[in-house]
C-alpha atoms as a PDB file:
ATOM      1  CA  MET A   1     -34.420  -9.848  39.131  1.00  0.00           C
ATOM      2  CA  LYS A   2     -32.650  -6.782  38.176  1.00  0.00           C
ATOM      3  CA  ARG A   3     -29.480  -8.515  38.887  1.00  0.00           C
ATOM      4  CA  LEU A   4     -29.548 -10.728  36.528  1.00  0.00           C
ATOM      5  CA  VAL A   5     -31.498  -8.300  33.706  1.00  0.00           C
ATOM      6  CA  LEU A   6     -27.918  -6.364  34.178  1.00  0.00           C
ATOM      7  CA  ILE A   7     -25.849  -9.134  33.865  1.00  0.00           C
ATOM      8  CA  LEU A   8     -27.486 -10.652  30.912  1.00  0.00           C
ATOM      9  CA  ALA A   9     -27.262  -7.339  29.396  1.00  0.00           C
ATOM     10  CA  LEU A  10     -23.520  -7.020  29.991  1.00  0.00           C
ATOM     11  CA  VAL A  11     -23.380 -10.630  28.515  1.00  0.00           C
ATOM     12  CA  LEU A  12     -25.036  -9.349  24.993  1.00  0.00           C
ATOM     13  CA  SER A  13     -23.184  -5.967  25.180  1.00  0.00           C
ATOM     14  CA  PHE A  14     -19.696  -8.084  25.291  1.00  0.00           C
ATOM     15  CA  ALA A  15     -20.680 -10.703  22.944  1.00  0.00           C
ATOM     16  CA  PHE A  16     -21.984  -7.904  20.310  1.00  0.00           C
ATOM     17  CA  ALA A  17     -18.395  -5.909  20.964  1.00  0.00           C
ATOM     18  CA  ALA A  18     -16.590  -9.167  20.290  1.00  0.00           C
ATOM     19  CA  ASN A  19     -18.681  -9.966  17.273  1.00  0.00           C
ATOM     20  CA  ALA A  20     -18.158  -6.343  15.615  1.00  0.00           C
ATOM     21  CA  ALA A  21     -14.247  -6.818  16.437  1.00  0.00           C
ATOM     22  CA  PHE A  22     -14.308 -10.262  14.888  1.00  0.00           C
ATOM     23  CA  ALA A  23     -15.943  -8.930  11.986  1.00  0.00           C
ATOM     24  CA  GLY A  24     -12.707  -6.814  11.048  1.00  0.00           C
ATOM     25  CA  LYS A  25     -12.030  -4.212   7.892  1.00  0.00           C
ATOM     26  CA  ILE A  26     -13.432  -6.641   5.364  1.00  0.00           C
ATOM     27  CA  GLU A  27     -16.737  -6.921   6.712  1.00  0.00           C
ATOM     28  CA  ASP A  28     -17.145  -3.464   7.815  1.00  0.00           C
ATOM     29  CA  ILE A  29     -16.044  -2.080   4.239  1.00  0.00           C
ATOM     30  CA  LYS A  30     -18.163  -4.827   2.656  1.00  0.00           C
ATOM     31  CA  ALA A  31     -21.543  -3.685   5.025  1.00  0.00           C
ATOM     32  CA  LYS A  32     -21.002   0.022   3.969  1.00  0.00           C
ATOM     33  CA  GLY A  33     -20.406  -0.828   0.105  1.00  0.00           C
ATOM     34  CA  VAL A  34     -17.203   1.687  -0.187  1.00  0.00           C
ATOM     35  CA  LEU A  35     -13.706   1.397   0.327  1.00  0.00           C
ATOM     36  CA  VAL A  36     -12.735   5.180   1.956  1.00  0.00           C
ATOM     37  CA  CYS A  37      -8.963   5.494   0.745  1.00  0.00           C
ATOM     38  CA  GLY A  38      -6.428   8.161   1.931  1.00  0.00           C
ATOM     39  CA  VAL A  39      -4.629   9.479  -1.026  1.00  0.00           C
ATOM     40  CA  LYS A  40      -2.970  13.145  -1.337  1.00  0.00           C
ATOM     41  CA  ASP A  41      -3.926  15.571  -3.935  1.00  0.00           C
ATOM     42  CA  SER A  42      -1.029  17.723  -4.360  1.00  0.00           C
ATOM     43  CA  VAL A  43       1.647  15.127  -5.555  1.00  0.00           C
ATOM     44  CA  ASN A  44       1.647  14.952  -9.404  1.00  0.00           C
ATOM     45  CA  LEU A  45       1.421  11.493 -10.986  1.00  0.00           C
ATOM     46  CA  PHE A  46       0.481   9.809  -7.759  1.00  0.00           C
ATOM     47  CA  GLY A  47      -2.270  11.704  -6.350  1.00  0.00           C
ATOM     48  CA  PHE A  48      -3.397  14.830  -7.736  1.00  0.00           C
ATOM     49  CA  VAL A  49      -6.456  17.007  -9.151  1.00  0.00           C
ATOM     50  CA  ASP A  50      -6.745  16.513 -12.585  1.00  0.00           C
ATOM     51  CA  PRO A  51      -7.134  20.301 -14.547  1.00  0.00           C
ATOM     52  CA  ASP A  52      -9.999  19.003 -16.580  1.00  0.00           C
ATOM     53  CA  SER A  53     -11.621  17.118 -14.598  1.00  0.00           C
ATOM     54  CA  LYS A  54     -11.134  18.634 -11.345  1.00  0.00           C
ATOM     55  CA  GLU A  55     -11.130  14.873  -9.777  1.00  0.00           C
ATOM     56  CA  LEU A  56      -8.295  13.144  -7.920  1.00  0.00           C
ATOM     57  CA  VAL A  57      -6.063  10.920 -10.069  1.00  0.00           C
ATOM     58  CA  GLY A  58      -2.768   9.340 -10.031  1.00  0.00           C
ATOM     59  CA  PHE A  59      -0.839   5.811  -9.754  1.00  0.00           C
ATOM     60  CA  ASP A  60      -1.781   5.879  -5.667  1.00  0.00           C
ATOM     61  CA  VAL A  61      -5.783   6.592  -6.859  1.00  0.00           C
ATOM     62  CA  ASP A  62      -5.682   3.407  -9.332  1.00  0.00           C
ATOM     63  CA  ILE A  63      -3.810   1.233  -6.756  1.00  0.00           C
ATOM     64  CA  CYS A  64      -7.135   2.101  -4.388  1.00  0.00           C
ATOM     65  CA  LYS A  65      -9.402   1.773  -7.387  1.00  0.00           C
ATOM     66  CA  TYR A  66      -8.248  -2.043  -7.885  1.00  0.00           C
ATOM     67  CA  ILE A  67      -8.652  -3.384  -4.681  1.00  0.00           C
ATOM     68  CA  ALA A  68     -12.276  -1.580  -3.910  1.00  0.00           C
ATOM     69  CA  ASP A  69     -12.858  -3.780  -7.003  1.00  0.00           C
ATOM     70  CA  LYS A  70     -11.437  -6.674  -5.888  1.00  0.00           C
ATOM     71  CA  LEU A  71     -13.831  -5.771  -2.670  1.00  0.00           C
ATOM     72  CA  GLY A  72     -16.737  -5.736  -4.914  1.00  0.00           C
ATOM     73  CA  VAL A  73     -17.230  -1.909  -3.199  1.00  0.00           C
ATOM     74  CA  LYS A  74     -16.938   1.584  -4.830  1.00  0.00           C
ATOM     75  CA  THR A  75     -14.228   3.582  -3.796  1.00  0.00           C
ATOM     76  CA  GLU A  76     -14.041   7.201  -1.761  1.00  0.00           C
ATOM     77  CA  PHE A  77     -11.243   9.509  -1.636  1.00  0.00           C
ATOM     78  CA  LYS A  78     -10.423  11.653   1.284  1.00  0.00           C
ATOM     79  CA  VAL A  79      -7.129  13.603   0.905  1.00  0.00           C
ATOM     80  CA  VAL A  80      -4.240  13.603   3.388  1.00  0.00           C
ATOM     81  CA  THR A  81      -1.078  14.821   3.883  1.00  0.00           C
ATOM     82  CA  SER A  82       1.926  13.725   5.217  1.00  0.00           C
ATOM     83  CA  LYS A  83       1.270  15.151   9.102  1.00  0.00           C
ATOM     84  CA  ASN A  84      -2.178  13.891   9.105  1.00  0.00           C
ATOM     85  CA  ARG A  85      -2.599  10.670   7.346  1.00  0.00           C
ATOM     86  CA  ILE A  86      -1.236   8.163  10.025  1.00  0.00           C
ATOM     87  CA  PRO A  87      -3.510   9.542  12.570  1.00  0.00           C
ATOM     88  CA  MET A  88      -6.729   9.509  10.244  1.00  0.00           C
ATOM     89  CA  LEU A  89      -5.935   5.872   9.553  1.00  0.00           C
ATOM     90  CA  ALA A  90      -5.567   4.958  13.448  1.00  0.00           C
ATOM     91  CA  GLN A  91      -8.771   6.883  14.136  1.00  0.00           C
ATOM     92  CA  GLY A  92     -10.844   5.406  11.258  1.00  0.00           C
ATOM     93  CA  SER A  93     -11.523   7.956   8.994  1.00  0.00           C
ATOM     94  CA  VAL A  94     -10.023   6.090   6.227  1.00  0.00           C
ATOM     95  CA  ASP A  95      -9.897   2.491   5.662  1.00  0.00           C
ATOM     96  CA  LEU A  96      -6.517   2.558   3.744  1.00  0.00           C
ATOM     97  CA  LEU A  97      -3.855   4.720   2.840  1.00  0.00           C
ATOM     98  CA  ALA A  98      -2.156   5.036  -0.689  1.00  0.00           C
ATOM     99  CA  ALA A  99      -0.244   8.030   0.040  1.00  0.00           C
ATOM    100  CA  THR A 100       3.592   7.805  -1.240  1.00  0.00           C
ATOM    101  CA  MET A 101       4.252   6.824   2.445  1.00  0.00           C
ATOM    102  CA  THR A 102       7.619   5.277   3.425  1.00  0.00           C
ATOM    103  CA  HIS A 103       7.190   1.678   5.403  1.00  0.00           C
ATOM    104  CA  LYS A 104       9.360   2.714   8.619  1.00  0.00           C
ATOM    105  CA  PHE A 105       9.629   0.486  11.784  1.00  0.00           C
ATOM    106  CA  SER A 106       8.689   3.361  13.798  1.00  0.00           C
ATOM    107  CA  ARG A 107       5.330   3.678  11.819  1.00  0.00           C
ATOM    108  CA  ASP A 108       4.510   0.604  12.621  1.00  0.00           C
ATOM    109  CA  GLU A 109       4.184   1.414  16.445  1.00  0.00           C
ATOM    110  CA  GLN A 110       0.710   2.740  14.946  1.00  0.00           C
ATOM    111  CA  ILE A 111      -0.701   1.411  11.797  1.00  0.00           C
ATOM    112  CA  ASP A 112       0.073  -1.961   9.711  1.00  0.00           C
ATOM    113  CA  PHE A 113       1.445  -1.720   6.040  1.00  0.00           C
ATOM    114  CA  SER A 114       1.306  -3.577   3.041  1.00  0.00           C
ATOM    115  CA  ILE A 115       4.134  -5.332   1.277  1.00  0.00           C
ATOM    116  CA  THR A 116       6.332  -2.945  -0.824  1.00  0.00           C
ATOM    117  CA  TYR A 117       4.356  -1.551  -3.678  1.00  0.00           C
ATOM    118  CA  PHE A 118       6.528   1.020  -5.076  1.00  0.00           C
ATOM    119  CA  MET A 119      10.436   1.555  -4.697  1.00  0.00           C
ATOM    120  CA  ASP A 120      11.851   4.995  -4.933  1.00  0.00           C
ATOM    121  CA  GLY A 121      14.697   6.850  -3.197  1.00  0.00           C
ATOM    122  CA  GLN A 122      15.477  10.486  -2.326  1.00  0.00           C
ATOM    123  CA  LYS A 123      17.248  12.781  -4.646  1.00  0.00           C
ATOM    124  CA  LEU A 124      17.449  16.935  -5.702  1.00  0.00           C
ATOM    125  CA  LEU A 125      15.369  18.745  -7.865  1.00  0.00           C
ATOM    126  CA  VAL A 126      17.273  21.985  -8.715  1.00  0.00           C
ATOM    127  CA  GLU A 127      17.280  24.655 -11.657  1.00  0.00           C
ATOM    128  CA  LYS A 128      19.449  23.639 -14.373  1.00  0.00           C
ATOM    129  CA  GLY A 129      23.224  25.554 -14.422  1.00  0.00           C
ATOM    130  CA  SER A 130      22.339  25.953 -10.582  1.00  0.00           C
ATOM    131  CA  GLY A 131      25.821  23.977  -9.866  1.00  0.00           C
ATOM    132  CA  ILE A 132      24.102  21.533  -7.384  1.00  0.00           C
ATOM    133  CA  ASN A 133      24.872  17.923  -8.437  1.00  0.00           C
ATOM    134  CA  SER A 134      24.281  16.043  -4.973  1.00  0.00           C
ATOM    135  CA  THR A 135      24.005  16.978  -1.031  1.00  0.00           C
ATOM    136  CA  ASP A 136      27.502  18.131  -0.476  1.00  0.00           C
ATOM    137  CA  ASP A 137      26.785  21.044  -2.712  1.00  0.00           C
ATOM    138  CA  LEU A 138      24.079  22.174   0.011  1.00  0.00           C
ATOM    139  CA  ALA A 139      26.190  23.082   2.708  1.00  0.00           C
ATOM    140  CA  ASN A 140      24.623  26.386   3.979  1.00  0.00           C
ATOM    141  CA  LYS A 141      22.419  26.606   1.477  1.00  0.00           C
ATOM    142  CA  LYS A 142      18.224  26.329   1.752  1.00  0.00           C
ATOM    143  CA  VAL A 143      16.766  23.426   0.579  1.00  0.00           C
ATOM    144  CA  GLY A 144      13.383  22.978   0.806  1.00  0.00           C
ATOM    145  CA  THR A 145      10.788  19.426   1.733  1.00  0.00           C
ATOM    146  CA  VAL A 146       7.658  19.118   3.560  1.00  0.00           C
ATOM    147  CA  LYS A 147       6.967  18.866   7.245  1.00  0.00           C
ATOM    148  CA  GLY A 148       6.410  15.418   8.882  1.00  0.00           C
ATOM    149  CA  SER A 149       8.247  13.909   5.897  1.00  0.00           C
ATOM    150  CA  THR A 150      10.961  10.969   5.886  1.00  0.00           C
ATOM    151  CA  SER A 151      12.737  13.142   3.604  1.00  0.00           C
ATOM    152  CA  GLU A 152      12.833  16.205   6.162  1.00  0.00           C
ATOM    153  CA  LYS A 153      15.116  13.586   8.348  1.00  0.00           C
ATOM    154  CA  ASN A 154      16.987  12.222   5.269  1.00  0.00           C
ATOM    155  CA  ILE A 155      18.247  15.643   4.038  1.00  0.00           C
ATOM    156  CA  LYS A 156      19.073  16.514   7.315  1.00  0.00           C
ATOM    157  CA  ALA A 157      21.018  13.635   8.025  1.00  0.00           C
ATOM    158  CA  ALA A 158      22.704  13.548   4.916  1.00  0.00           C
ATOM    159  CA  GLN A 159      23.577  17.287   4.889  1.00  0.00           C
ATOM    160  CA  PRO A 160      23.646  18.577   8.319  1.00  0.00           C
ATOM    161  CA  LYS A 161      24.836  21.989   7.213  1.00  0.00           C
ATOM    162  CA  ALA A 162      22.109  22.377   4.775  1.00  0.00           C
ATOM    163  CA  GLN A 163      19.286  25.001   6.457  1.00  0.00           C
ATOM    164  CA  VAL A 164      16.171  22.897   5.979  1.00  0.00           C
ATOM    165  CA  ILE A 165      13.214  24.704   5.288  1.00  0.00           C
ATOM    166  CA  SER A 166       9.579  22.869   5.290  1.00  0.00           C
ATOM    167  CA  TYR A 167       6.349  23.434   3.950  1.00  0.00           C
ATOM    168  CA  ASP A 168       2.963  21.856   4.203  1.00  0.00           C
ATOM    169  CA  GLU A 169       3.128  20.337   0.519  1.00  0.00           C
ATOM    170  CA  TYR A 170       5.358  19.658  -2.346  1.00  0.00           C
ATOM    171  CA  PRO A 171       3.991  22.114  -4.888  1.00  0.00           C
ATOM    172  CA  GLN A 172       4.637  24.930  -2.127  1.00  0.00           C
ATOM    173  CA  ALA A 173       8.512  23.862  -1.699  1.00  0.00           C
ATOM    174  CA  PHE A 174       8.810  23.923  -5.332  1.00  0.00           C
ATOM    175  CA  MET A 175       6.957  27.377  -5.592  1.00  0.00           C
ATOM    176  CA  ALA A 176       9.649  28.460  -3.128  1.00  0.00           C
ATOM    177  CA  LEU A 177      12.408  27.050  -5.506  1.00  0.00           C
ATOM    178  CA  LYS A 178      10.989  28.772  -8.609  1.00  0.00           C
ATOM    179  CA  GLN A 179      10.703  32.079  -6.229  1.00  0.00           C
ATOM    180  CA  GLY A 180      14.779  31.811  -5.252  1.00  0.00           C
ATOM    181  CA  LYS A 181      13.795  31.195  -1.494  1.00  0.00           C
ATOM    182  CA  VAL A 182      15.411  27.778  -1.769  1.00  0.00           C
ATOM    183  CA  LYS A 183      18.286  26.425  -3.819  1.00  0.00           C
ATOM    184  CA  ALA A 184      16.937  22.793  -3.973  1.00  0.00           C
ATOM    185  CA  VAL A 185      13.791  20.635  -3.125  1.00  0.00           C
ATOM    186  CA  THR A 186      14.685  17.242  -1.890  1.00  0.00           C
ATOM    187  CA  THR A 187      11.967  13.885  -1.555  1.00  0.00           C
ATOM    188  CA  ASP A 188      11.746  11.142  -3.555  1.00  0.00           C
ATOM    189  CA  SER A 189      12.839  10.931  -7.107  1.00  0.00           C
ATOM    190  CA  GLY A 190       9.166  10.084  -8.345  1.00  0.00           C
ATOM    191  CA  ILE A 191       7.596  12.978  -6.541  1.00  0.00           C
ATOM    192  CA  LEU A 192      10.069  15.140  -8.213  1.00  0.00           C
ATOM    193  CA  ALA A 193       9.332  13.824 -11.685  1.00  0.00           C
ATOM    194  CA  GLY A 194       6.164  14.773 -11.098  1.00  0.00           C
ATOM    195  CA  LEU A 195       6.893  18.335  -9.494  1.00  0.00           C
ATOM    196  CA  LYS A 196       8.838  18.884 -13.148  1.00  0.00           C
ATOM    197  CA  ALA A 197       6.818  16.978 -15.291  1.00  0.00           C
ATOM    198  CA  GLY A 198       3.920  19.585 -14.038  1.00  0.00           C
ATOM    199  CA  ASP A 199       5.660  22.650 -14.804  1.00  0.00           C
ATOM    200  CA  ASP A 200       4.812  25.196 -17.218  1.00  0.00           C
ATOM    201  CA  ASN A 201       8.833  25.352 -17.989  1.00  0.00           C
ATOM    202  CA  PRO A 202       9.970  21.667 -17.260  1.00  0.00           C
ATOM    203  CA  GLU A 203      13.288  22.280 -19.262  1.00  0.00           C
ATOM    204  CA  LYS A 204      14.247  24.534 -16.567  1.00  0.00           C
ATOM    205  CA  TRP A 205      14.606  21.954 -13.778  1.00  0.00           C
ATOM    206  CA  GLU A 206      16.588  18.638 -13.507  1.00  0.00           C
ATOM    207  CA  ILE A 207      16.481  16.078 -10.459  1.00  0.00           C
ATOM    208  CA  VAL A 208      20.296  15.364  -9.802  1.00  0.00           C
ATOM    209  CA  GLY A 209      22.690  13.267  -7.535  1.00  0.00           C
ATOM    210  CA  ALA A 210      22.894   9.444  -6.090  1.00  0.00           C
ATOM    211  CA  PHE A 211      20.128   7.761  -4.276  1.00  0.00           C
ATOM    212  CA  PHE A 212      20.820   8.887  -0.521  1.00  0.00           C
ATOM    213  CA  SER A 213      18.021   6.969   0.825  1.00  0.00           C
ATOM    214  CA  SER A 214      15.613   3.948   0.447  1.00  0.00           C
ATOM    215  CA  GLU A 215      11.900   4.463   0.188  1.00  0.00           C
ATOM    216  CA  PRO A 216       9.833   1.565   0.118  1.00  0.00           C
ATOM    217  CA  TYR A 217       6.322   2.462  -0.173  1.00  0.00           C
ATOM    218  CA  GLY A 218       3.689   0.527   1.736  1.00  0.00           C
ATOM    219  CA  LEU A 219      -0.097   1.110   1.665  1.00  0.00           C
ATOM    220  CA  GLY A 220      -1.310   1.708   5.172  1.00  0.00           C
ATOM    221  CA  VAL A 221      -3.822  -0.604   7.048  1.00  0.00           C
ATOM    222  CA  PRO A 222      -5.228  -0.928  10.175  1.00  0.00           C
ATOM    223  CA  GLN A 223      -3.143  -1.970  13.174  1.00  0.00           C
ATOM    224  CA  ASN A 224      -3.693  -5.768  14.199  1.00  0.00           C
ATOM    225  CA  ASP A 225      -6.283  -6.765  11.162  1.00  0.00           C
ATOM    226  CA  SER A 226      -4.286  -9.578   9.521  1.00  0.00           C
ATOM    227  CA  ALA A 227      -7.147 -10.525   7.202  1.00  0.00           C
ATOM    228  CA  PHE A 228      -7.433  -7.451   5.745  1.00  0.00           C
ATOM    229  CA  ARG A 229      -3.726  -6.831   5.484  1.00  0.00           C
ATOM    230  CA  ASP A 230      -3.458 -10.156   3.689  1.00  0.00           C
ATOM    231  CA  PHE A 231      -6.439  -9.406   1.177  1.00  0.00           C
ATOM    232  CA  VAL A 232      -4.652  -5.968   0.456  1.00  0.00           C
ATOM    233  CA  ASN A 233      -1.315  -7.948  -0.049  1.00  0.00           C
ATOM    234  CA  LYS A 234      -2.820 -10.649  -2.299  1.00  0.00           C
ATOM    235  CA  SER A 235      -4.496  -7.733  -4.389  1.00  0.00           C
ATOM    236  CA  LEU A 236      -1.263  -6.564  -5.081  1.00  0.00           C
ATOM    237  CA  ASN A 237       0.150  -9.867  -5.881  1.00  0.00           C
ATOM    238  CA  GLU A 238      -2.757 -10.185  -8.376  1.00  0.00           C
ATOM    239  CA  MET A 239      -2.181  -6.682  -9.639  1.00  0.00           C
ATOM    240  CA  TRP A 240       1.890  -7.551 -10.793  1.00  0.00           C
ATOM    241  CA  LEU A 241       0.698 -11.418 -11.806  1.00  0.00           C
ATOM    242  CA  ASP A 242      -2.257  -9.658 -14.338  1.00  0.00           C
ATOM    243  CA  GLY A 243      -0.180  -7.278 -15.554  1.00  0.00           C
ATOM    244  CA  THR A 244      -2.574  -4.174 -14.221  1.00  0.00           C
ATOM    245  CA  TYR A 245       0.755  -2.635 -11.974  1.00  0.00           C
ATOM    246  CA  GLN A 246       2.891  -2.895 -14.949  1.00  0.00           C
ATOM    247  CA  LYS A 247       0.640  -0.784 -17.116  1.00  0.00           C
ATOM    248  CA  LEU A 248      -0.510   1.676 -14.384  1.00  0.00           C
ATOM    249  CA  PHE A 249       3.294   2.193 -13.737  1.00  0.00           C
ATOM    250  CA  LYS A 250       3.970   3.107 -17.638  1.00  0.00           C
ATOM    251  CA  LYS A 251       0.612   5.103 -17.480  1.00  0.00           C
ATOM    252  CA  TRP A 252       1.675   7.731 -14.642  1.00  0.00           C
ATOM    253  CA  MET A 253       5.819   7.348 -14.872  1.00  0.00           C
ATOM    254  CA  GLY A 254       5.749   7.766 -18.957  1.00  0.00           C
ATOM    255  CA  TYR A 255       8.294   4.865 -18.954  1.00  0.00           C
ATOM    256  CA  ASP A 256       8.710   1.065 -18.576  1.00  0.00           C
ATOM    257  CA  LEU A 257       8.760  -0.365 -14.923  1.00  0.00           C
ATOM    258  CA  PRO A 258      13.044  -0.595 -14.112  1.00  0.00           C
ATOM    259  CA  ALA A 259      14.604  -3.611 -14.605  1.00  0.00           C
ATOM    260  CA  GLY A 260      15.705  -5.365 -11.306  1.00  0.00           C
ATOM    261  CA  TRP A 261      12.537  -4.729  -9.220  1.00  0.00           C
ATOM    262  CA  GLU A 262       9.406  -6.872  -8.382  1.00  0.00           C
ATOM    263  CA  MET A 263       6.903  -6.745  -5.979  1.00  0.00           C
ATOM    264  CA  GLU A 264       7.290  -9.405  -3.248  1.00  0.00           C
ATOM    265  CA  LEU A 265       5.527 -12.118  -4.591  1.00  0.00           C
ATOM    266  CA  TRP A 266       3.485 -14.953  -2.259  1.00  0.00           C
ATOM    267  CA  PRO A 267       2.262 -18.197  -3.975  1.00  0.00           C
ATOM    268  CA  MET A 268      -1.304 -18.259  -4.056  1.00  0.00           C
END
């Protein structure tokens, strides 16, 4: 009898685990009534703390809010960095990542990605009149970027003779530039534009050089949950088709969406 009870208990536990696994992220989010998004808090225009409201705002923040609205739930934000964002998603600390994250095959080993929701490329932020106009001018010079980022690897490949100084966040790298500790800051042009725009004297700085990398941003989603990934992709498509994406782009970037780039659209 005890053996039978034990077997039944094991069967029920397996069934419960199977049902929980089958439920997936969408059901889990709806059950708790909140979509937990991992966003950055130090990338002007994308994810940053508004000095007046003291709240997280930005393009990535609004992307999360749109998807949460489609799910019919509230949005909760957790701050992530380039270094910890993938582990936080993989461990279940967040449901979704909207964190200026380039979609790379190497990252697919740990998480899945949405379609590209923002296309960018890497450039340089320098002081006007510095004489630095491209990566060619960075030989034997110090350049700042962020630890664990795609930008860190790209600049080392683009200019092996540069001395790359890596910081925890981009504002720290920009501060190093203002203090003369580095001659340039490098990352995606949208992030550089945010650093420049947020400075007290933006006219002192300029973004230079041709793109030396392609940076397709994707939203990070848990691995092996196709239903949630498809929902996120459909939400992004709807955002594009109803005009919300274009309005948010203009709101945060300050200019109309560049001609020639469109989100990957799937038939509904």
